[in-house]
Amino acid sequence: MSVKAVKGGYVIDFTLGHQRYRETIPAPQNKAALKRIEEQEAVYKFAISMNDKSIADRFPSSKIIQKAFDSGCNYTIDDYSSIWFKQKQRNWSHTTIRGYSQKYNTYIKPNWGHLLLTEFKASMFDEWASESLLSGKSINETRNVLQQIYNRAVLDEVLEKNPASLIERYKQIQKEPKPFTQTEIARILNELTTPYREFFQFAFFTGLRTGELLGLRWEDIDLIRGVAHIRVNLTGGIEKPPKTKGSIRTIELDPRAIVALTNIRETIYSGLERVFIDPRTMKGYKYADGLRKYIWKPTLEKLNISYRYPYQCRHTYASMMLSSGKNPMWVANQMGHSDWGMIRRIYGRWISV
């Protein structure tokens, strides 16, 4: 048979006139879908054998018809980005979709989206990158999205080569953490009120990622043993497991983190599933933007403390633990890294020797 079931759909694969035609069609795997695709394959074969493009026009997005009747590639980069997104997004996380969409809509589409796939050259990207004020990391992320769009076109046999593969990676400069001092921590916590004080105190003295803080549940806390089980990450309002296997972990709680939890237990903000709730809505947080914009940033400005993103609370914890002589592997486990390589690379100057 020239229609075969594959993961996520079916593959039409046949040869006519010494020319092979192949196409993957996303579809549910059931009798109705199989029958429809087998009928579609029969129409393809008839249209090609009769050289009847009017029949082929019923399938304008088919790569088989594209290959059989088009003299050249008529897809623009924008056209194929839509095909790529549609085919792949089911396997992506919410944050991946958001990241890819942002890079495509902000940088790729305005610059090259109107070009035919065959018109784009690697030098066009390099010229843009040379004039861009973006970091090397952002440029490489944009390059990655463009490469994946072209990879899809090559796999679909719309193109023979991927011009984006000729773009070299740009140098990424690792920004050194800027942890807060003990004095700054004390001033910040003294200025904040409950439950914001407890939220950031827990952040400073556990090093949890923002999504892990937002997703933390009381059932994850064992105050008797002094540990917290990190099982949930809240990203873009969606609850999911932490991003890597190493991120699912049990951490030892610093006494100052335990104080933050016991303080919350004695307030009106302690009756829900989540440890940290928004006092304005009395519900769990979905996003951290409000905390950053309306609580964190104004507090630092009022105290005349150099602004750093709340994520620096995590860096502060790591630097404090390492400076106090904690084993780097222990710190890596606390922070959800599979080994201490990243700890050595990012926080090397705080490791006691």
Protein backbone atom coordinates (compact mmCIF):
# COMPACT_ATOMS: atom_id res chain seq x y z
CA MET A 1 0.00 0.00 0.00
CA SER A 2 1.15 3.51 -0.69
CA VAL A 3 -0.79 5.01 2.22
CA LYS A 4 0.79 4.13 5.56
CA ALA A 5 -0.11 5.12 9.10
CA VAL A 6 2.54 7.06 11.01
CA LYS A 7 2.51 8.91 14.28
CA GLY A 8 0.04 11.77 13.99
CA GLY A 9 -1.38 10.87 10.58
CA TYR A 10 -0.65 9.10 7.31
CA VAL A 11 2.04 9.10 4.63
CA ILE A 12 1.13 8.99 0.94
CA ASP A 13 4.08 7.51 -0.94
CA PHE A 14 3.98 6.42 -4.59
CA THR A 15 5.99 6.57 -7.83
CA LEU A 16 4.77 7.68 -11.26
CA GLY A 17 6.92 8.06 -14.35
CA HIS A 18 10.10 7.26 -12.40
CA GLN A 19 9.26 10.17 -10.05
CA ARG A 20 8.59 9.56 -6.38
CA TYR A 21 5.88 11.53 -4.60
CA ARG A 22 5.63 11.58 -0.84
CA GLU A 23 3.56 13.59 1.63
CA THR A 24 2.64 13.37 5.31
CA ILE A 25 -0.95 14.32 6.17
CA PRO A 26 -1.89 14.93 9.82
CA ALA A 27 -5.11 13.06 10.62
CA PRO A 28 -6.71 10.85 13.28
CA GLN A 29 -6.06 7.16 12.72
CA ASN A 30 -9.47 5.69 11.99
CA LYS A 31 -11.25 4.06 9.07
CA ALA A 32 -12.91 7.27 7.89
CA ALA A 33 -9.64 9.20 7.79
CA LEU A 34 -7.83 6.34 6.06
CA LYS A 35 -10.53 6.10 3.40
CA ARG A 36 -10.44 9.86 2.80
CA ILE A 37 -6.66 9.88 2.38
CA GLU A 38 -6.71 6.84 0.09
CA GLU A 39 -9.25 8.67 -2.09
CA GLN A 40 -7.01 11.75 -2.00
CA GLU A 41 -4.07 9.65 -3.15
CA ALA A 42 -6.14 8.30 -6.07
CA VAL A 43 -6.98 11.86 -7.14
CA TYR A 44 -3.29 12.80 -6.94
CA LYS A 45 -2.31 9.89 -9.19
CA PHE A 46 -5.07 10.62 -11.69
CA ALA A 47 -4.28 14.34 -11.86
CA ILE A 48 -0.57 13.70 -12.38
CA SER A 49 -1.04 10.93 -14.94
CA MET A 50 -3.52 13.07 -16.90
CA ASN A 51 -1.49 16.24 -16.37
CA ASP A 52 -4.73 17.89 -15.26
CA LYS A 53 -3.92 20.84 -13.04
CA SER A 54 -7.60 21.75 -12.65
CA ILE A 55 -8.05 18.61 -10.58
CA ALA A 56 -4.86 19.32 -8.67
CA ASP A 57 -6.14 22.78 -7.74
CA ARG A 58 -8.42 21.08 -5.25
CA PHE A 59 -5.31 20.56 -3.10
CA PRO A 60 -3.42 23.88 -3.26
CA SER A 61 -1.35 23.17 -0.14
CA SER A 62 -0.29 19.65 -1.14
CA LYS A 63 3.45 19.23 -1.55
CA ILE A 64 2.82 16.36 -4.00
CA ILE A 65 0.80 18.66 -6.25
CA GLN A 66 3.38 21.39 -5.71
CA LYS A 67 6.11 19.06 -6.90
CA ALA A 68 4.12 17.71 -9.86
CA PHE A 69 2.77 20.95 -11.32
CA ASP A 70 4.79 23.90 -10.06
CA SER A 71 7.90 24.91 -11.91
CA GLY A 72 9.27 26.57 -8.82
CA CYS A 73 8.58 27.15 -5.13
CA ASN A 74 5.65 29.51 -4.58
CA TYR A 75 5.72 29.43 -0.79
CA THR A 76 6.83 32.51 1.12
CA ILE A 77 8.59 32.18 4.46
CA ASP A 78 5.38 33.41 6.08
CA ASP A 79 3.37 30.72 4.26
CA TYR A 80 5.63 27.96 5.46
CA SER A 81 5.90 29.27 8.98
CA SER A 82 2.14 28.69 9.27
CA ILE A 83 2.53 25.13 7.98
CA TRP A 84 5.39 24.48 10.42
CA PHE A 85 3.46 25.88 13.39
CA LYS A 86 0.36 23.88 12.54
CA GLN A 87 2.28 20.63 12.17
CA LYS A 88 4.50 20.96 15.23
CA GLN A 89 2.81 23.02 17.94
CA ARG A 90 0.94 20.06 19.42
CA ASN A 91 4.28 18.75 20.70
CA TRP A 92 5.35 22.11 22.16
CA SER A 93 4.82 23.51 25.63
CA HIS A 94 2.98 26.78 26.15
CA THR A 95 6.24 28.62 26.78
CA THR A 96 7.82 27.20 23.62
CA ILE A 97 4.87 28.35 21.51
CA ARG A 98 5.04 31.78 23.08
CA GLY A 99 8.80 32.05 22.57
CA TYR A 100 8.74 30.89 18.95
CA SER A 101 5.79 33.17 18.13
CA GLN A 102 7.53 36.17 19.66
CA LYS A 103 10.75 35.61 17.72
CA TYR A 104 8.91 34.98 14.47
CA ASN A 105 6.45 37.88 14.67
CA THR A 106 8.97 40.39 15.99
CA TYR A 107 12.06 39.64 13.90
CA ILE A 108 11.53 37.11 11.11
CA LYS A 109 8.19 38.12 9.64
CA PRO A 110 8.91 41.88 9.33
CA ASN A 111 12.31 41.27 7.72
CA TRP A 112 11.88 38.19 5.53
CA GLY A 113 8.32 36.86 5.82
CA HIS A 114 7.36 38.23 2.38
CA LEU A 115 10.24 36.46 0.60
CA LEU A 116 9.82 33.21 -1.28
CA LEU A 117 11.60 30.36 0.47
CA THR A 118 14.07 30.28 -2.41
CA GLU A 119 14.86 34.01 -2.18
CA PHE A 120 16.30 34.01 1.33
CA LYS A 121 20.09 33.95 1.76
CA ALA A 122 22.11 33.42 4.93
CA SER A 123 23.87 36.74 4.28
CA MET A 124 20.53 38.52 4.78
CA PHE A 125 20.35 37.24 8.34
CA ASP A 126 23.98 38.11 9.02
CA GLU A 127 23.43 41.66 7.77
CA TRP A 128 20.43 42.05 10.03
CA ALA A 129 22.27 40.57 13.02
CA SER A 130 25.25 42.91 12.49
CA GLU A 131 22.95 45.92 12.87
CA SER A 132 20.80 44.48 15.65
CA LEU A 133 21.08 45.54 19.27
CA LEU A 134 19.83 42.14 20.44
CA SER A 135 21.95 39.88 22.61
CA GLY A 136 23.72 36.92 21.04
CA LYS A 137 21.23 34.66 22.81
CA SER A 138 18.21 36.36 21.20
CA ILE A 139 19.86 36.34 17.77
CA ASN A 140 20.56 32.61 18.09
CA GLU A 141 16.99 31.93 19.20
CA THR A 142 15.71 33.79 16.12
CA ARG A 143 18.12 31.80 13.95
CA ASN A 144 16.80 28.58 15.49
CA VAL A 145 13.19 29.41 14.58
CA LEU A 146 14.17 30.25 10.99
CA GLN A 147 16.17 27.02 10.71
CA GLN A 148 13.24 24.94 11.91
CA ILE A 149 10.88 26.51 9.35
CA TYR A 150 13.34 25.65 6.58
CA ASN A 151 13.96 22.17 8.00
CA ARG A 152 10.25 21.50 7.68
CA ALA A 153 10.30 22.64 4.04
CA VAL A 154 13.27 20.36 3.30
CA LEU A 155 11.66 17.37 4.99
CA ASP A 156 8.50 18.05 2.99
CA GLU A 157 10.69 18.06 -0.16
CA VAL A 158 9.60 21.59 -1.05
CA LEU A 159 13.27 22.58 -0.98
CA GLU A 160 16.45 20.58 -1.41
CA LYS A 161 18.64 22.65 0.91
CA ASN A 162 18.21 24.70 4.06
CA PRO A 163 19.85 28.13 3.57
CA ALA A 164 19.38 28.96 7.25
CA SER A 165 21.74 26.10 8.14
CA LEU A 166 24.56 28.23 6.73
CA ILE A 167 24.04 30.88 9.44
CA GLU A 168 26.72 30.49 12.10
CA ARG A 169 25.86 30.76 15.77
CA TYR A 170 26.60 34.09 17.40
CA LYS A 171 28.72 34.42 20.50
CA GLN A 172 26.65 34.48 23.66
CA ILE A 173 28.02 36.38 26.64
CA GLN A 174 26.96 34.89 29.94
CA LYS A 175 25.79 37.71 32.19
CA GLU A 176 27.19 37.36 35.67
CA PRO A 177 24.60 37.17 38.46
CA LYS A 178 24.12 40.30 40.56
CA PRO A 179 23.01 38.92 43.91
CA PHE A 180 21.57 41.14 46.61
CA THR A 181 23.58 41.84 49.74
CA GLN A 182 22.35 40.88 53.20
CA THR A 183 21.70 44.57 53.90
CA GLU A 184 19.65 44.95 50.71
CA ILE A 185 17.65 41.80 51.52
CA ALA A 186 16.87 43.11 55.01
CA ARG A 187 15.76 46.52 53.68
CA ILE A 188 13.55 44.97 50.98
CA LEU A 189 11.83 42.57 53.36
CA ASN A 190 11.37 45.30 55.96
CA GLU A 191 9.65 47.51 53.38
CA LEU A 192 7.29 44.84 52.06
CA THR A 193 4.04 43.90 53.78
CA THR A 194 2.37 40.50 54.24
CA PRO A 195 1.97 38.36 52.12
CA TYR A 196 4.46 39.95 49.70
CA ARG A 197 7.16 39.95 52.38
CA GLU A 198 6.79 36.21 52.92
CA PHE A 199 6.77 35.49 49.18
CA PHE A 200 10.09 37.21 48.57
CA GLN A 201 11.62 35.98 51.82
CA PHE A 202 10.86 32.44 50.70
CA ALA A 203 12.31 33.26 47.26
CA PHE A 204 15.53 34.64 48.73
CA PHE A 205 16.08 31.65 51.00
CA THR A 206 15.08 28.74 48.74
CA GLY A 207 16.27 29.81 45.28
CA LEU A 208 13.13 28.45 43.64
CA ARG A 209 12.26 29.47 40.09
CA THR A 210 9.36 31.90 39.78
CA GLY A 211 7.02 29.25 38.35
CA GLU A 212 7.91 26.89 41.20
CA LEU A 213 7.09 29.58 43.76
CA LEU A 214 3.73 30.30 42.13
CA GLY A 215 2.84 26.61 41.90
CA LEU A 216 3.87 25.62 45.43
CA ARG A 217 1.06 23.91 47.37
CA TRP A 218 0.68 23.37 51.10
CA GLU A 219 0.57 19.64 50.44
CA ASP A 220 4.14 19.99 49.12
CA ILE A 221 5.38 21.36 52.47
CA ASP A 222 6.57 19.27 55.40
CA LEU A 223 7.37 21.72 58.20
CA ILE A 224 8.15 18.94 60.66
CA ARG A 225 10.97 17.61 58.48
CA GLY A 226 11.80 21.09 57.17
CA VAL A 227 11.51 20.17 53.48
CA ALA A 228 9.48 21.14 50.42
CA HIS A 229 8.64 18.84 47.53
CA ILE A 230 8.93 20.68 44.20
CA ARG A 231 6.41 18.96 41.92
CA VAL A 232 4.61 21.79 40.09
CA ASN A 233 5.67 24.65 37.87
CA LEU A 234 3.21 27.39 36.87
CA THR A 235 4.04 28.92 33.48
CA GLY A 236 1.80 31.25 31.52
CA GLY A 237 -1.07 30.39 33.85
CA ILE A 238 -0.72 26.68 33.06
CA GLU A 239 0.21 24.12 35.71
CA LYS A 240 2.70 21.49 34.64
CA PRO A 241 5.58 19.44 36.05
CA PRO A 242 8.94 21.22 36.36
CA LYS A 243 10.81 21.49 33.05
CA THR A 244 13.42 18.77 33.64
CA LYS A 245 13.63 15.52 35.57
CA GLY A 246 16.21 17.07 37.89
CA SER A 247 13.81 19.91 38.68
CA ILE A 248 11.41 17.47 40.36
CA ARG A 249 13.07 17.37 43.75
CA THR A 250 12.85 17.68 47.52
CA ILE A 251 14.69 20.65 49.01
CA GLU A 252 15.87 21.38 52.52
CA LEU A 253 14.29 24.56 53.88
CA ASP A 254 16.47 27.29 55.33
CA PRO A 255 15.17 28.42 58.76
CA ARG A 256 14.34 31.83 57.27
CA ALA A 257 12.18 30.14 54.61
CA ILE A 258 10.38 28.20 57.35
CA VAL A 259 9.70 31.47 59.18
CA ALA A 260 8.09 32.87 56.03
CA LEU A 261 5.77 29.84 55.84
CA THR A 262 4.82 29.88 59.52
CA ASN A 263 4.06 33.60 59.29
CA ILE A 264 1.66 33.01 56.38
CA ARG A 265 0.00 30.17 58.28
CA GLU A 266 -1.10 32.72 60.89
CA THR A 267 -2.78 35.08 58.40
CA ILE A 268 -5.97 35.17 56.35
CA TYR A 269 -3.92 34.20 53.28
CA SER A 270 -3.50 30.59 54.37
CA GLY A 271 -6.78 28.89 53.55
CA LEU A 272 -6.20 27.84 49.94
CA GLU A 273 -4.31 25.06 48.15
CA ARG A 274 -1.52 27.39 47.05
CA VAL A 275 1.05 28.63 49.53
CA PHE A 276 1.23 32.07 47.94
CA ILE A 277 -1.97 33.84 46.89
CA ASP A 278 -2.75 37.26 45.47
CA PRO A 279 -4.21 39.38 48.31
CA ARG A 280 -6.18 41.45 45.80
CA THR A 281 -8.15 38.45 44.48
CA MET A 282 -7.60 35.97 47.32
CA LYS A 283 -6.78 33.38 44.66
CA GLY A 284 -3.55 31.68 43.58
CA TYR A 285 -1.32 33.57 41.19
CA LYS A 286 -1.40 32.73 37.49
CA TYR A 287 1.32 35.12 36.39
CA ALA A 288 4.22 36.89 38.12
CA ASP A 289 4.13 40.10 36.03
CA GLY A 290 1.90 41.92 38.52
CA LEU A 291 4.23 41.11 41.40
CA ARG A 292 7.20 42.43 39.45
CA LYS A 293 5.55 45.60 38.11
CA TYR A 294 3.47 46.71 41.07
CA ILE A 295 5.30 45.35 44.11
CA TRP A 296 8.91 44.44 43.39
CA LYS A 297 9.98 47.29 41.11
CA PRO A 298 8.36 50.14 43.11
CA THR A 299 9.93 48.76 46.30
CA LEU A 300 13.46 48.80 44.86
CA GLU A 301 12.90 52.29 43.46
CA LYS A 302 11.67 53.58 46.81
CA LEU A 303 14.70 52.11 48.58
CA ASN A 304 17.08 53.36 45.86
CA ILE A 305 18.38 49.82 45.34
CA SER A 306 19.78 49.01 41.91
CA TYR A 307 17.02 47.26 39.94
CA ARG A 308 17.35 43.57 39.28
CA TYR A 309 14.70 41.14 38.11
CA PRO A 310 13.10 38.99 40.84
CA TYR A 311 14.98 36.01 39.34
CA GLN A 312 18.07 37.43 41.04
CA CYS A 313 16.58 36.12 44.28
CA ARG A 314 17.52 32.67 42.94
CA HIS A 315 21.05 33.82 42.16
CA THR A 316 21.26 35.41 45.60
CA TYR A 317 20.39 32.12 47.28
CA ALA A 318 23.01 30.22 45.29
CA SER A 319 25.75 32.73 46.06
CA MET A 320 24.83 32.80 49.77
CA MET A 321 24.92 29.03 50.09
CA LEU A 322 28.21 28.66 48.23
CA SER A 323 29.84 31.51 50.15
CA SER A 324 28.83 29.84 53.40
CA GLY A 325 30.70 26.69 52.36
CA LYS A 326 27.85 24.49 51.16
CA ASN A 327 28.86 21.65 48.83
CA PRO A 328 28.29 22.71 45.18
CA MET A 329 26.52 19.41 44.46
CA TRP A 330 24.13 20.06 47.34
CA VAL A 331 23.42 23.53 45.93
CA ALA A 332 22.86 22.02 42.48
CA ASN A 333 20.30 19.59 43.93
CA GLN A 334 18.56 22.37 45.83
CA MET A 335 18.23 24.43 42.65
CA GLY A 336 17.12 21.60 40.42
CA HIS A 337 20.24 21.07 38.30
CA SER A 338 21.19 17.53 37.31
CA ASP A 339 24.86 18.15 38.10
CA TRP A 340 26.98 20.96 39.43
CA GLY A 341 28.44 22.00 36.06
CA MET A 342 26.11 24.96 35.75
CA ILE A 343 26.80 25.93 39.36
CA ARG A 344 30.54 25.95 38.64
CA ARG A 345 30.06 27.92 35.41
CA ILE A 346 27.68 30.58 36.72
CA TYR A 347 28.60 30.87 40.39
CA GLY A 348 32.25 29.85 40.33
CA ARG A 349 33.55 32.93 42.13
CA TRP A 350 31.34 32.24 45.15
CA ILE A 351 32.53 28.67 45.67
CA SER A 352 34.65 28.38 48.81
CA VAL A 353 38.00 26.69 48.25
